[in-house]
Amino acid sequence: MKTTPAIVQRELIGLNAKVVRSSHPGYVGIEGKVLDETRNTILILHKNKKKTVIKNTSVFNFTTPDGTIVEINGKAIIGRPEARIKKRIRRLW
């Protein structure tokens, strides 16, 4: 799946997220609203508990406000959120 720069540069806090694949088996299936994001982690509210998921080892499904589900490899969103939003991404397609 190709990811457009608009999705990678989007603010993720407030979106619904689900971990679909991860090298850590305990992360798979975590889903809920994104509460916070750091350089290497995403904090998700899962069943009224805060779960921290490492971006580098996971693949996420994010649901945008219009209902579109987008799959993003965590390696594509590593970095400080404020820097990632401003960063210009070169198109490879």
Protein backbone atom coordinates (compact mmCIF):
# COMPACT_ATOMS: atom_id res chain seq x y z
CA MET A 1 0.00 0.00 0.00
CA LYS A 2 1.32 3.42 -0.93
CA THR A 3 1.05 6.14 1.65
CA THR A 4 0.61 9.69 0.45
CA PRO A 5 2.58 12.50 2.12
CA ALA A 6 -0.71 14.06 3.25
CA ILE A 7 -1.37 11.08 5.52
CA VAL A 8 2.16 10.93 6.93
CA GLN A 9 2.17 14.67 7.65
CA ARG A 10 -1.21 14.59 9.39
CA GLU A 11 -1.77 15.14 13.10
CA LEU A 12 -2.44 11.67 14.55
CA ILE A 13 -3.70 12.71 17.99
CA GLY A 14 -7.45 12.21 18.15
CA LEU A 15 -7.62 9.61 15.37
CA ASN A 16 -8.71 6.03 16.01
CA ALA A 17 -5.83 3.60 15.62
CA LYS A 18 -5.36 -0.15 15.61
CA VAL A 19 -2.11 -2.12 15.71
CA VAL A 20 -2.44 -4.74 12.97
CA ARG A 21 1.11 -6.15 12.95
CA SER A 22 4.04 -5.91 15.30
CA SER A 23 7.19 -7.80 16.18
CA HIS A 24 5.95 -7.59 19.80
CA PRO A 25 2.95 -9.96 20.03
CA GLY A 26 1.46 -8.04 22.96
CA TYR A 27 0.89 -4.95 20.77
CA VAL A 28 -1.23 -6.68 18.10
CA GLY A 29 -4.93 -5.89 18.51
CA ILE A 30 -4.52 -2.73 20.59
CA GLU A 31 -7.06 -0.24 19.31
CA GLY A 32 -8.57 3.01 20.42
CA LYS A 33 -8.10 6.76 20.29
CA VAL A 34 -4.59 8.21 20.00
CA LEU A 35 -4.00 10.32 23.12
CA ASP A 36 -0.39 11.37 22.64
CA GLU A 37 2.55 10.91 20.33
CA THR A 38 6.27 11.18 20.96
CA ARG A 39 9.27 10.66 18.70
CA ASN A 40 9.20 6.87 18.98
CA THR A 41 5.88 5.96 20.60
CA ILE A 42 2.13 6.38 20.32
CA LEU A 43 -0.12 6.41 23.40
CA ILE A 44 -3.50 4.73 22.72
CA LEU A 45 -6.53 4.60 25.02
CA HIS A 46 -7.45 0.88 24.87
CA LYS A 47 -10.34 -0.35 27.04
CA ASN A 48 -9.98 2.64 29.41
CA LYS A 49 -6.24 1.95 29.87
CA LYS A 50 -3.36 3.87 28.34
CA LYS A 51 -1.14 1.65 26.19
CA THR A 52 2.20 2.81 24.79
CA VAL A 53 3.14 1.29 21.42
CA ILE A 54 6.55 1.63 19.81
CA LYS A 55 6.27 2.99 16.25
CA ASN A 56 9.36 1.28 14.82
CA THR A 57 8.09 -2.28 15.34
CA SER A 58 4.42 -1.83 14.42
CA VAL A 59 2.03 -1.32 11.53
CA PHE A 60 -1.06 0.78 12.26
CA ASN A 61 -4.52 1.26 10.77
CA PHE A 62 -5.67 4.84 11.30
CA THR A 63 -9.30 5.85 10.73
CA THR A 64 -9.62 9.41 9.44
CA PRO A 65 -12.63 11.60 10.34
CA ASP A 66 -14.26 10.84 6.97
CA GLY A 67 -14.15 7.09 7.71
CA THR A 68 -11.21 6.15 5.49
CA ILE A 69 -8.91 3.49 6.95
CA VAL A 70 -5.24 3.99 6.13
CA GLU A 71 -2.48 1.47 6.89
CA ILE A 72 0.83 3.08 7.85
CA ASN A 73 4.10 1.42 8.73
CA GLY A 74 5.37 2.90 11.99
CA LYS A 75 8.79 3.49 10.43
CA ALA A 76 7.20 6.12 8.16
CA ILE A 77 5.98 8.19 11.11
CA ILE A 78 9.05 8.07 13.36
CA GLY A 79 10.06 11.53 14.50
CA ARG A 80 8.77 14.36 16.60
CA PRO A 81 5.18 15.10 15.56
CA GLU A 82 5.76 18.84 15.17
CA ALA A 83 8.80 18.26 12.95
CA ARG A 84 7.11 15.53 10.92
CA ILE A 85 4.12 17.75 10.09
CA LYS A 86 6.38 20.53 8.75
CA LYS A 87 8.83 18.23 6.95
CA ARG A 88 8.66 18.05 3.20
CA ILE A 89 8.46 14.46 1.99
CA ARG A 90 9.83 13.45 -1.39
CA ARG A 91 7.41 11.46 -3.49
CA LEU A 92 8.70 8.09 -4.61
CA TRP A 93 5.77 7.28 -6.92
